[in-house]
Amino acid sequence: MKFKLRKVNNHGTVKWLVDLRGIGRGHQFFDTERDAKSFRDVAQSEVPELGVSALDLSSHDRVEFLAAKKQLEVSGASIIEAVCFFLKHSAANLHWGKAP
């Protein structure tokens, strides 16, 4: 998947935008073209890796994923959007894997 990169005017400031909506991650602004290209290149390299690792999901995880996806279809939200919302609104953004 190729992510779009373009120069934009963001509230009167020239920024570089990387469009990640194709994978449900919205878009991200950068001050320099170099930073935007670097981010885009990393994001593009992650997509095939994530696709291959999906094959390692257990049967239980696949069933859970599909159930969650079906429930989100009503709202038009993606799994990634739901996770981002949860992390943003969870109790003080708990650190995963660490006891509170």
PDB file of N, CA and C in Angstrom:
ATOM      1  N   MET A   1       0.848  -1.173   0.000  1.00  0.00           N
ATOM      2  CA  MET A   1       0.000   0.000   0.000  1.00  0.00           C
ATOM      3  C   MET A   1       0.896   1.239   0.000  1.00  0.00           C
ATOM      4  N   LYS A   2       0.556   2.197  -0.848  1.00  0.00           N
ATOM      5  CA  LYS A   2       1.332   3.416  -0.932  1.00  0.00           C
ATOM      6  C   LYS A   2       0.551   4.542  -0.258  1.00  0.00           C
ATOM      7  N   PHE A   3       1.159   5.171   0.736  1.00  0.00           N
ATOM      8  CA  PHE A   3       0.518   6.263   1.453  1.00  0.00           C
ATOM      9  C   PHE A   3       0.812   7.584   0.763  1.00  0.00           C
ATOM     10  N   LYS A   4      -0.194   8.444   0.681  1.00  0.00           N
ATOM     11  CA  LYS A   4      -0.049   9.729   0.012  1.00  0.00           C
ATOM     12  C   LYS A   4       0.691  10.717   0.912  1.00  0.00           C
ATOM     13  N   LEU A   5       1.517  11.525   0.275  1.00  0.00           N
ATOM     14  CA  LEU A   5       2.281  12.561   0.956  1.00  0.00           C
ATOM     15  C   LEU A   5       2.058  13.844   0.171  1.00  0.00           C
ATOM     16  N   ARG A   6       1.657  14.909   0.862  1.00  0.00           N
ATOM     17  CA  ARG A   6       1.458  16.171   0.150  1.00  0.00           C
ATOM     18  C   ARG A   6       1.685  17.366   1.075  1.00  0.00           C
ATOM     19  N   LYS A   7       1.998  18.488   0.447  1.00  0.00           N
ATOM     20  CA  LYS A   7       2.195  19.752   1.152  1.00  0.00           C
ATOM     21  C   LYS A   7       0.827  20.397   1.326  1.00  0.00           C
ATOM     22  N   VAL A   8       0.510  20.859   2.544  1.00  0.00           N
ATOM     23  CA  VAL A   8      -0.794  21.455   2.819  1.00  0.00           C
ATOM     24  C   VAL A   8      -0.636  22.712   3.657  1.00  0.00           C
ATOM     25  N   ASN A   9      -1.684  23.514   3.670  1.00  0.00           N
ATOM     26  CA  ASN A   9      -1.743  24.688   4.534  1.00  0.00           C
ATOM     27  C   ASN A   9      -2.615  24.301   5.718  1.00  0.00           C
ATOM     28  N   ASN A  10      -2.019  24.181   6.894  1.00  0.00           N
ATOM     29  CA  ASN A  10      -2.726  23.747   8.094  1.00  0.00           C
ATOM     30  C   ASN A  10      -2.817  24.926   9.057  1.00  0.00           C
ATOM     31  N   HIS A  11      -3.979  25.587   9.093  1.00  0.00           N
ATOM     32  CA  HIS A  11      -4.200  26.743   9.961  1.00  0.00           C
ATOM     33  C   HIS A  11      -3.147  27.825   9.734  1.00  0.00           C
ATOM     34  N   GLY A  12      -2.877  28.119   8.463  1.00  0.00           N
ATOM     35  CA  GLY A  12      -1.948  29.181   8.116  1.00  0.00           C
ATOM     36  C   GLY A  12      -0.482  28.790   8.122  1.00  0.00           C
ATOM     37  N   THR A  13      -0.181  27.543   8.422  1.00  0.00           N
ATOM     38  CA  THR A  13       1.191  27.056   8.449  1.00  0.00           C
ATOM     39  C   THR A  13       1.357  25.956   7.402  1.00  0.00           C
ATOM     40  N   VAL A  14       2.447  26.020   6.660  1.00  0.00           N
ATOM     41  CA  VAL A  14       2.716  24.978   5.672  1.00  0.00           C
ATOM     42  C   VAL A  14       3.217  23.735   6.393  1.00  0.00           C
ATOM     43  N   LYS A  15       2.566  22.624   6.141  1.00  0.00           N
ATOM     44  CA  LYS A  15       2.921  21.336   6.751  1.00  0.00           C
ATOM     45  C   LYS A  15       2.959  20.281   5.661  1.00  0.00           C
ATOM     46  N   TRP A  16       3.509  19.143   6.011  1.00  0.00           N
ATOM     47  CA  TRP A  16       3.488  17.960   5.139  1.00  0.00           C
ATOM     48  C   TRP A  16       2.554  16.952   5.765  1.00  0.00           C
ATOM     49  N   LEU A  17       1.648  16.418   4.955  1.00  0.00           N
ATOM     50  CA  LEU A  17       0.636  15.495   5.443  1.00  0.00           C
ATOM     51  C   LEU A  17       0.887  14.102   4.881  1.00  0.00           C
ATOM     52  N   VAL A  18       0.852  13.117   5.769  1.00  0.00           N
ATOM     53  CA  VAL A  18       0.906  11.713   5.358  1.00  0.00           C
ATOM     54  C   VAL A  18      -0.480  11.140   5.631  1.00  0.00           C
ATOM     55  N   ASP A  19      -1.108  10.622   4.586  1.00  0.00           N
ATOM     56  CA  ASP A  19      -2.475  10.109   4.665  1.00  0.00           C
ATOM     57  C   ASP A  19      -2.447   8.601   4.906  1.00  0.00           C
ATOM     58  N   LEU A  20      -2.884   8.190   6.110  1.00  0.00           N
ATOM     59  CA  LEU A  20      -2.899   6.773   6.489  1.00  0.00           C
ATOM     60  C   LEU A  20      -4.321   6.228   6.597  1.00  0.00           C
ATOM     61  N   ARG A  21      -5.270   6.939   6.024  1.00  0.00           N
ATOM     62  CA  ARG A  21      -6.671   6.509   6.154  1.00  0.00           C
ATOM     63  C   ARG A  21      -6.916   5.144   5.530  1.00  0.00           C
ATOM     64  N   GLY A  22      -6.082   4.739   4.596  1.00  0.00           N
ATOM     65  CA  GLY A  22      -6.240   3.429   3.964  1.00  0.00           C
ATOM     66  C   GLY A  22      -6.110   2.274   4.939  1.00  0.00           C
ATOM     67  N   ILE A  23      -5.440   2.518   6.074  1.00  0.00           N
ATOM     68  CA  ILE A  23      -5.311   1.476   7.101  1.00  0.00           C
ATOM     69  C   ILE A  23      -5.981   1.891   8.403  1.00  0.00           C
ATOM     70  N   GLY A  24      -6.831   2.916   8.326  1.00  0.00           N
ATOM     71  CA  GLY A  24      -7.597   3.330   9.502  1.00  0.00           C
ATOM     72  C   GLY A  24      -6.813   4.118  10.521  1.00  0.00           C
ATOM     73  N   ARG A  25      -5.702   4.724  10.121  1.00  0.00           N
ATOM     74  CA  ARG A  25      -4.892   5.484  11.080  1.00  0.00           C
ATOM     75  C   ARG A  25      -4.940   6.985  10.819  1.00  0.00           C
ATOM     76  N   GLY A  26      -5.933   7.447  10.065  1.00  0.00           N
ATOM     77  CA  GLY A  26      -6.113   8.870   9.844  1.00  0.00           C
ATOM     78  C   GLY A  26      -4.989   9.491   9.039  1.00  0.00           C
ATOM     79  N   HIS A  27      -4.577  10.682   9.451  1.00  0.00           N
ATOM     80  CA  HIS A  27      -3.473  11.354   8.787  1.00  0.00           C
ATOM     81  C   HIS A  27      -2.601  12.045   9.829  1.00  0.00           C
ATOM     82  N   GLN A  28      -1.389  12.343   9.447  1.00  0.00           N
ATOM     83  CA  GLN A  28      -0.435  12.934  10.378  1.00  0.00           C
ATOM     84  C   GLN A  28       0.294  14.075   9.680  1.00  0.00           C
ATOM     85  N   PHE A  29       0.507  15.182  10.410  1.00  0.00           N
ATOM     86  CA  PHE A  29       1.192  16.354   9.878  1.00  0.00           C
ATOM     87  C   PHE A  29       2.638  16.402  10.358  1.00  0.00           C
ATOM     88  N   PHE A  30       3.518  16.931   9.480  1.00  0.00           N
ATOM     89  CA  PHE A  30       4.939  17.081   9.802  1.00  0.00           C
ATOM     90  C   PHE A  30       5.424  18.442   9.342  1.00  0.00           C
ATOM     91  N   ASP A  31       6.419  18.972  10.047  1.00  0.00           N
ATOM     92  CA  ASP A  31       6.974  20.276   9.698  1.00  0.00           C
ATOM     93  C   ASP A  31       7.851  20.226   8.456  1.00  0.00           C
ATOM     94  N   THR A  32       8.509  19.093   8.227  1.00  0.00           N
ATOM     95  CA  THR A  32       9.421  18.995   7.088  1.00  0.00           C
ATOM     96  C   THR A  32       9.038  17.826   6.183  1.00  0.00           C
ATOM     97  N   GLU A  33       9.378  17.972   4.914  1.00  0.00           N
ATOM     98  CA  GLU A  33       9.132  16.891   3.964  1.00  0.00           C
ATOM     99  C   GLU A  33       9.950  15.657   4.337  1.00  0.00           C
ATOM    100  N   ARG A  34      11.159  15.889   4.820  1.00  0.00           N
ATOM    101  CA  ARG A  34      12.037  14.780   5.212  1.00  0.00           C
ATOM    102  C   ARG A  34      11.400  13.939   6.323  1.00  0.00           C
ATOM    103  N   ASP A  35      10.867  14.598   7.355  1.00  0.00           N
ATOM    104  CA  ASP A  35      10.221  13.866   8.452  1.00  0.00           C
ATOM    105  C   ASP A  35       8.995  13.105   7.954  1.00  0.00           C
ATOM    106  N   ALA A  36       8.223  13.744   7.069  1.00  0.00           N
ATOM    107  CA  ALA A  36       7.026  13.104   6.537  1.00  0.00           C
ATOM    108  C   ALA A  36       7.384  11.869   5.707  1.00  0.00           C
ATOM    109  N   LYS A  37       8.411  11.985   4.872  1.00  0.00           N
ATOM    110  CA  LYS A  37       8.835  10.854   4.052  1.00  0.00           C
ATOM    111  C   LYS A  37       9.350   9.708   4.913  1.00  0.00           C
ATOM    112  N   SER A  38      10.092  10.056   5.954  1.00  0.00           N
ATOM    113  CA  SER A  38      10.624   9.033   6.855  1.00  0.00           C
ATOM    114  C   SER A  38       9.483   8.277   7.531  1.00  0.00           C
ATOM    115  N   PHE A  39       8.507   9.013   8.050  1.00  0.00           N
ATOM    116  CA  PHE A  39       7.345   8.394   8.697  1.00  0.00           C
ATOM    117  C   PHE A  39       6.585   7.523   7.706  1.00  0.00           C
ATOM    118  N   ARG A  40       6.352   8.054   6.489  1.00  0.00           N
ATOM    119  CA  ARG A  40       5.638   7.308   5.458  1.00  0.00           C
ATOM    120  C   ARG A  40       6.349   5.993   5.131  1.00  0.00           C
ATOM    121  N   ASP A  41       7.681   6.058   4.998  1.00  0.00           N
ATOM    122  CA  ASP A  41       8.443   4.861   4.649  1.00  0.00           C
ATOM    123  C   ASP A  41       8.337   3.791   5.737  1.00  0.00           C
ATOM    124  N   VAL A  42       8.386   4.221   6.998  1.00  0.00           N
ATOM    125  CA  VAL A  42       8.254   3.269   8.108  1.00  0.00           C
ATOM    126  C   VAL A  42       6.849   2.664   8.107  1.00  0.00           C
ATOM    127  N   ALA A  43       5.832   3.502   7.943  1.00  0.00           N
ATOM    128  CA  ALA A  43       4.443   3.015   7.927  1.00  0.00           C
ATOM    129  C   ALA A  43       4.232   2.018   6.790  1.00  0.00           C
ATOM    130  N   GLN A  44       4.800   2.318   5.622  1.00  0.00           N
ATOM    131  CA  GLN A  44       4.647   1.418   4.476  1.00  0.00           C
ATOM    132  C   GLN A  44       5.337   0.078   4.716  1.00  0.00           C
ATOM    133  N   SER A  45       6.447   0.093   5.440  1.00  0.00           N
ATOM    134  CA  SER A  45       7.146  -1.170   5.707  1.00  0.00           C
ATOM    135  C   SER A  45       6.411  -2.006   6.747  1.00  0.00           C
ATOM    136  N   GLU A  46       5.634  -1.352   7.622  1.00  0.00           N
ATOM    137  CA  GLU A  46       4.896  -2.075   8.655  1.00  0.00           C
ATOM    138  C   GLU A  46       3.713  -2.841   8.085  1.00  0.00           C
ATOM    139  N   VAL A  47       3.095  -2.346   7.045  1.00  0.00           N
ATOM    140  CA  VAL A  47       1.872  -2.962   6.522  1.00  0.00           C
ATOM    141  C   VAL A  47       2.094  -4.415   6.120  1.00  0.00           C
ATOM    142  N   PRO A  48       3.116  -4.734   5.299  1.00  0.00           N
ATOM    143  CA  PRO A  48       3.310  -6.155   4.963  1.00  0.00           C
ATOM    144  C   PRO A  48       3.639  -7.010   6.182  1.00  0.00           C
ATOM    145  N   GLU A  49       4.422  -6.448   7.125  1.00  0.00           N
ATOM    146  CA  GLU A  49       4.770  -7.205   8.332  1.00  0.00           C
ATOM    147  C   GLU A  49       3.521  -7.538   9.140  1.00  0.00           C
ATOM    148  N   LEU A  50       2.634  -6.560   9.283  1.00  0.00           N
ATOM    149  CA  LEU A  50       1.409  -6.791  10.044  1.00  0.00           C
ATOM    150  C   LEU A  50       0.516  -7.795   9.336  1.00  0.00           C
ATOM    151  N   GLY A  51       0.490  -7.746   8.009  1.00  0.00           N
ATOM    152  CA  GLY A  51      -0.315  -8.690   7.248  1.00  0.00           C
ATOM    153  C   GLY A  51       0.152 -10.118   7.445  1.00  0.00           C
ATOM    154  N   VAL A  52       1.453 -10.336   7.421  1.00  0.00           N
ATOM    155  CA  VAL A  52       2.011 -11.677   7.610  1.00  0.00           C
ATOM    156  C   VAL A  52       1.774 -12.156   9.034  1.00  0.00           C
ATOM    157  N   SER A  53       1.929 -11.266  10.017  1.00  0.00           N
ATOM    158  CA  SER A  53       1.740 -11.683  11.410  1.00  0.00           C
ATOM    159  C   SER A  53       0.279 -12.030  11.703  1.00  0.00           C
ATOM    160  N   ALA A  54      -0.638 -11.554  10.875  1.00  0.00           N
ATOM    161  CA  ALA A  54      -2.052 -11.909  11.057  1.00  0.00           C
ATOM    162  C   ALA A  54      -2.260 -13.408  10.913  1.00  0.00           C
ATOM    163  N   LEU A  55      -1.389 -14.053  10.152  1.00  0.00           N
ATOM    164  CA  LEU A  55      -1.504 -15.498   9.983  1.00  0.00           C
ATOM    165  C   LEU A  55      -1.184 -16.255  11.265  1.00  0.00           C
ATOM    166  N   ASP A  56      -0.496 -15.587  12.204  1.00  0.00           N
ATOM    167  CA  ASP A  56      -0.132 -16.209  13.474  1.00  0.00           C
ATOM    168  C   ASP A  56      -1.221 -16.107  14.535  1.00  0.00           C
ATOM    169  N   LEU A  57      -2.328 -15.412  14.221  1.00  0.00           N
ATOM    170  CA  LEU A  57      -3.402 -15.266  15.202  1.00  0.00           C
ATOM    171  C   LEU A  57      -4.029 -16.627  15.516  1.00  0.00           C
ATOM    172  N   SER A  58      -4.357 -16.810  16.779  1.00  0.00           N
ATOM    173  CA  SER A  58      -5.032 -18.051  17.168  1.00  0.00           C
ATOM    174  C   SER A  58      -6.468 -18.027  16.658  1.00  0.00           C
ATOM    175  N   SER A  59      -7.094 -19.165  16.655  1.00  0.00           N
ATOM    176  CA  SER A  59      -8.487 -19.265  16.225  1.00  0.00           C
ATOM    177  C   SER A  59      -9.366 -18.383  17.112  1.00  0.00           C
ATOM    178  N   HIS A  60      -9.112 -18.385  18.400  1.00  0.00           N
ATOM    179  CA  HIS A  60      -9.870 -17.574  19.356  1.00  0.00           C
ATOM    180  C   HIS A  60      -9.722 -16.086  19.030  1.00  0.00           C
ATOM    181  N   ASP A  61      -8.492 -15.640  18.751  1.00  0.00           N
ATOM    182  CA  ASP A  61      -8.253 -14.230  18.430  1.00  0.00           C
ATOM    183  C   ASP A  61      -8.950 -13.826  17.131  1.00  0.00           C
ATOM    184  N   ARG A  62      -8.956 -14.716  16.141  1.00  0.00           N
ATOM    185  CA  ARG A  62      -9.633 -14.417  14.887  1.00  0.00           C
ATOM    186  C   ARG A  62     -11.136 -14.262  15.105  1.00  0.00           C
ATOM    187  N   VAL A  63     -11.717 -15.150  15.914  1.00  0.00           N
ATOM    188  CA  VAL A  63     -13.153 -15.077  16.200  1.00  0.00           C
ATOM    189  C   VAL A  63     -13.468 -13.784  16.946  1.00  0.00           C
ATOM    190  N   GLU A  64     -12.638 -13.424  17.924  1.00  0.00           N
ATOM    191  CA  GLU A  64     -12.834 -12.184  18.683  1.00  0.00           C
ATOM    192  C   GLU A  64     -12.737 -10.961  17.773  1.00  0.00           C
ATOM    193  N   PHE A  65     -11.736 -10.960  16.908  1.00  0.00           N
ATOM    194  CA  PHE A  65     -11.547  -9.848  15.977  1.00  0.00           C
ATOM    195  C   PHE A  65     -12.772  -9.674  15.087  1.00  0.00           C
ATOM    196  N   LEU A  66     -13.254 -10.775  14.511  1.00  0.00           N
ATOM    197  CA  LEU A  66     -14.398 -10.691  13.615  1.00  0.00           C
ATOM    198  C   LEU A  66     -15.663 -10.236  14.345  1.00  0.00           C
ATOM    199  N   ALA A  67     -15.828 -10.678  15.594  1.00  0.00           N
ATOM    200  CA  ALA A  67     -16.991 -10.243  16.383  1.00  0.00           C
ATOM    201  C   ALA A  67     -16.905  -8.744  16.670  1.00  0.00           C
ATOM    202  N   ALA A  68     -15.728  -8.266  17.040  1.00  0.00           N
ATOM    203  CA  ALA A  68     -15.547  -6.837  17.315  1.00  0.00           C
ATOM    204  C   ALA A  68     -15.772  -6.023  16.048  1.00  0.00           C
ATOM    205  N   LYS A  69     -15.242  -6.498  14.939  1.00  0.00           N
ATOM    206  CA  LYS A  69     -15.397  -5.801  13.656  1.00  0.00           C
ATOM    207  C   LYS A  69     -16.875  -5.690  13.286  1.00  0.00           C
ATOM    208  N   LYS A  70     -17.609  -6.762  13.485  1.00  0.00           N
ATOM    209  CA  LYS A  70     -19.041  -6.762  13.164  1.00  0.00           C
ATOM    210  C   LYS A  70     -19.797  -5.756  14.038  1.00  0.00           C
ATOM    211  N   GLN A  71     -19.462  -5.699  15.318  1.00  0.00           N
ATOM    212  CA  GLN A  71     -20.120  -4.753  16.220  1.00  0.00           C
ATOM    213  C   GLN A  71     -19.805  -3.305  15.835  1.00  0.00           C
ATOM    214  N   LEU A  72     -18.597  -3.058  15.359  1.00  0.00           N
ATOM    215  CA  LEU A  72     -18.201  -1.699  14.983  1.00  0.00           C
ATOM    216  C   LEU A  72     -18.808  -1.247  13.661  1.00  0.00           C
ATOM    217  N   GLU A  73     -19.199  -2.192  12.804  1.00  0.00           N
ATOM    218  CA  GLU A  73     -19.756  -1.840  11.497  1.00  0.00           C
ATOM    219  C   GLU A  73     -20.953  -0.913  11.618  1.00  0.00           C
ATOM    220  N   VAL A  74     -21.743  -1.079  12.670  1.00  0.00           N
ATOM    221  CA  VAL A  74     -22.934  -0.257  12.877  1.00  0.00           C
ATOM    222  C   VAL A  74     -22.558   1.226  12.990  1.00  0.00           C
ATOM    223  N   SER A  75     -21.430   1.501  13.646  1.00  0.00           N
ATOM    224  CA  SER A  75     -21.011   2.889  13.850  1.00  0.00           C
ATOM    225  C   SER A  75     -20.159   3.421  12.708  1.00  0.00           C
ATOM    226  N   GLY A  76     -19.682   2.526  11.854  1.00  0.00           N
ATOM    227  CA  GLY A  76     -18.804   2.950  10.771  1.00  0.00           C
ATOM    228  C   GLY A  76     -17.355   3.100  11.205  1.00  0.00           C
ATOM    229  N   ALA A  77     -17.041   2.702  12.439  1.00  0.00           N
ATOM    230  CA  ALA A  77     -15.678   2.814  12.961  1.00  0.00           C
ATOM    231  C   ALA A  77     -14.883   1.555  12.630  1.00  0.00           C
ATOM    232  N   SER A  78     -13.558   1.723  12.572  1.00  0.00           N
ATOM    233  CA  SER A  78     -12.679   0.585  12.331  1.00  0.00           C
ATOM    234  C   SER A  78     -12.115   0.076  13.657  1.00  0.00           C
ATOM    235  N   ILE A  79     -11.489  -1.080  13.599  1.00  0.00           N
ATOM    236  CA  ILE A  79     -10.835  -1.641  14.792  1.00  0.00           C
ATOM    237  C   ILE A  79      -9.768  -0.678  15.304  1.00  0.00           C
ATOM    238  N   ILE A  80      -8.965  -0.137  14.391  1.00  0.00           N
ATOM    239  CA  ILE A  80      -7.899   0.793  14.784  1.00  0.00           C
ATOM    240  C   ILE A  80      -8.483   2.027  15.456  1.00  0.00           C
ATOM    241  N   GLU A  81      -9.564   2.571  14.902  1.00  0.00           N
ATOM    242  CA  GLU A  81     -10.202   3.745  15.506  1.00  0.00           C
ATOM    243  C   GLU A  81     -10.715   3.415  16.900  1.00  0.00           C
ATOM    244  N   ALA A  82     -11.280   2.228  17.079  1.00  0.00           N
ATOM    245  CA  ALA A  82     -11.782   1.821  18.392  1.00  0.00           C
ATOM    246  C   ALA A  82     -10.645   1.690  19.399  1.00  0.00           C
ATOM    247  N   VAL A  83      -9.541   1.119  18.973  1.00  0.00           N
ATOM    248  CA  VAL A  83      -8.386   0.969  19.863  1.00  0.00           C
ATOM    249  C   VAL A  83      -7.830   2.332  20.237  1.00  0.00           C
ATOM    250  N   CYS A  84      -7.689   3.217  19.254  1.00  0.00           N
ATOM    251  CA  CYS A  84      -7.184   4.569  19.536  1.00  0.00           C
ATOM    252  C   CYS A  84      -8.102   5.295  20.518  1.00  0.00           C
ATOM    253  N   PHE A  85      -9.414   5.167  20.319  1.00  0.00           N
ATOM    254  CA  PHE A  85     -10.374   5.792  21.227  1.00  0.00           C
ATOM    255  C   PHE A  85     -10.215   5.223  22.638  1.00  0.00           C
ATOM    256  N   PHE A  86     -10.118   3.914  22.731  1.00  0.00           N
ATOM    257  CA  PHE A  86      -9.963   3.270  24.035  1.00  0.00           C
ATOM    258  C   PHE A  86      -8.694   3.754  24.740  1.00  0.00           C
ATOM    259  N   LEU A  87      -7.584   3.757  24.022  1.00  0.00           N
ATOM    260  CA  LEU A  87      -6.322   4.171  24.631  1.00  0.00           C
ATOM    261  C   LEU A  87      -6.357   5.628  25.068  1.00  0.00           C
ATOM    262  N   LYS A  88      -7.008   6.461  24.276  1.00  0.00           N
ATOM    263  CA  LYS A  88      -7.105   7.885  24.615  1.00  0.00           C
ATOM    264  C   LYS A  88      -7.957   8.106  25.859  1.00  0.00           C
ATOM    265  N   HIS A  89      -8.991   7.290  26.010  1.00  0.00           N
ATOM    266  CA  HIS A  89      -9.943   7.506  27.100  1.00  0.00           C
ATOM    267  C   HIS A  89      -9.803   6.529  28.267  1.00  0.00           C
ATOM    268  N   SER A  90      -8.865   5.612  28.196  1.00  0.00           N
ATOM    269  CA  SER A  90      -8.694   4.669  29.300  1.00  0.00           C
ATOM    270  C   SER A  90      -8.121   5.391  30.509  1.00  0.00           C
ATOM    271  N   ALA A  91      -8.292   4.825  31.651  1.00  0.00           N
ATOM    272  CA  ALA A  91      -7.877   5.451  32.911  1.00  0.00           C
ATOM    273  C   ALA A  91      -6.399   5.822  32.866  1.00  0.00           C
ATOM    274  N   ALA A  92      -6.135   7.105  32.630  1.00  0.00           N
ATOM    275  CA  ALA A  92      -4.778   7.659  32.651  1.00  0.00           C
ATOM    276  C   ALA A  92      -3.830   6.928  31.716  1.00  0.00           C
ATOM    277  N   ASN A  93      -4.366   6.385  30.621  1.00  0.00           N
ATOM    278  CA  ASN A  93      -3.532   5.665  29.649  1.00  0.00           C
ATOM    279  C   ASN A  93      -2.595   4.684  30.339  1.00  0.00           C
ATOM    280  N   LEU A  94      -3.184   3.668  30.933  1.00  0.00           N
ATOM    281  CA  LEU A  94      -2.412   2.663  31.661  1.00  0.00           C
ATOM    282  C   LEU A  94      -1.292   2.106  30.811  1.00  0.00           C
ATOM    283  N   HIS A  95      -0.189   1.812  31.456  1.00  0.00           N
ATOM    284  CA  HIS A  95       0.955   1.211  30.750  1.00  0.00           C
ATOM    285  C   HIS A  95       0.720  -0.270  30.604  1.00  0.00           C
ATOM    286  N   TRP A  96       0.666  -0.740  29.372  1.00  0.00           N
ATOM    287  CA  TRP A  96       0.396  -2.151  29.104  1.00  0.00           C
ATOM    288  C   TRP A  96       1.471  -3.022  29.691  1.00  0.00           C
ATOM    289  N   GLY A  97       1.062  -4.096  30.296  1.00  0.00           N
ATOM    290  CA  GLY A  97       2.004  -5.081  30.835  1.00  0.00           C
ATOM    291  C   GLY A  97       2.580  -4.708  32.178  1.00  0.00           C
ATOM    292  N   LYS A  98       2.167  -3.585  32.755  1.00  0.00           N
ATOM    293  CA  LYS A  98       2.702  -3.166  34.051  1.00  0.00           C
ATOM    294  C   LYS A  98       1.559  -3.033  35.040  1.00  0.00           C
ATOM    295  N   ALA A  99       1.807  -3.410  36.247  1.00  0.00           N
ATOM    296  CA  ALA A  99       0.795  -3.277  37.284  1.00  0.00           C
ATOM    297  C   ALA A  99       0.608  -1.796  37.601  1.00  0.00           C
ATOM    298  N   PRO A 100      -0.620  -1.346  37.854  1.00  0.00           N
ATOM    299  CA  PRO A 100      -0.860   0.082  38.172  1.00  0.00           C
ATOM    300  C   PRO A 100      -0.217   0.496  39.484  1.00  0.00           C
TER     301      PRO A 100
END
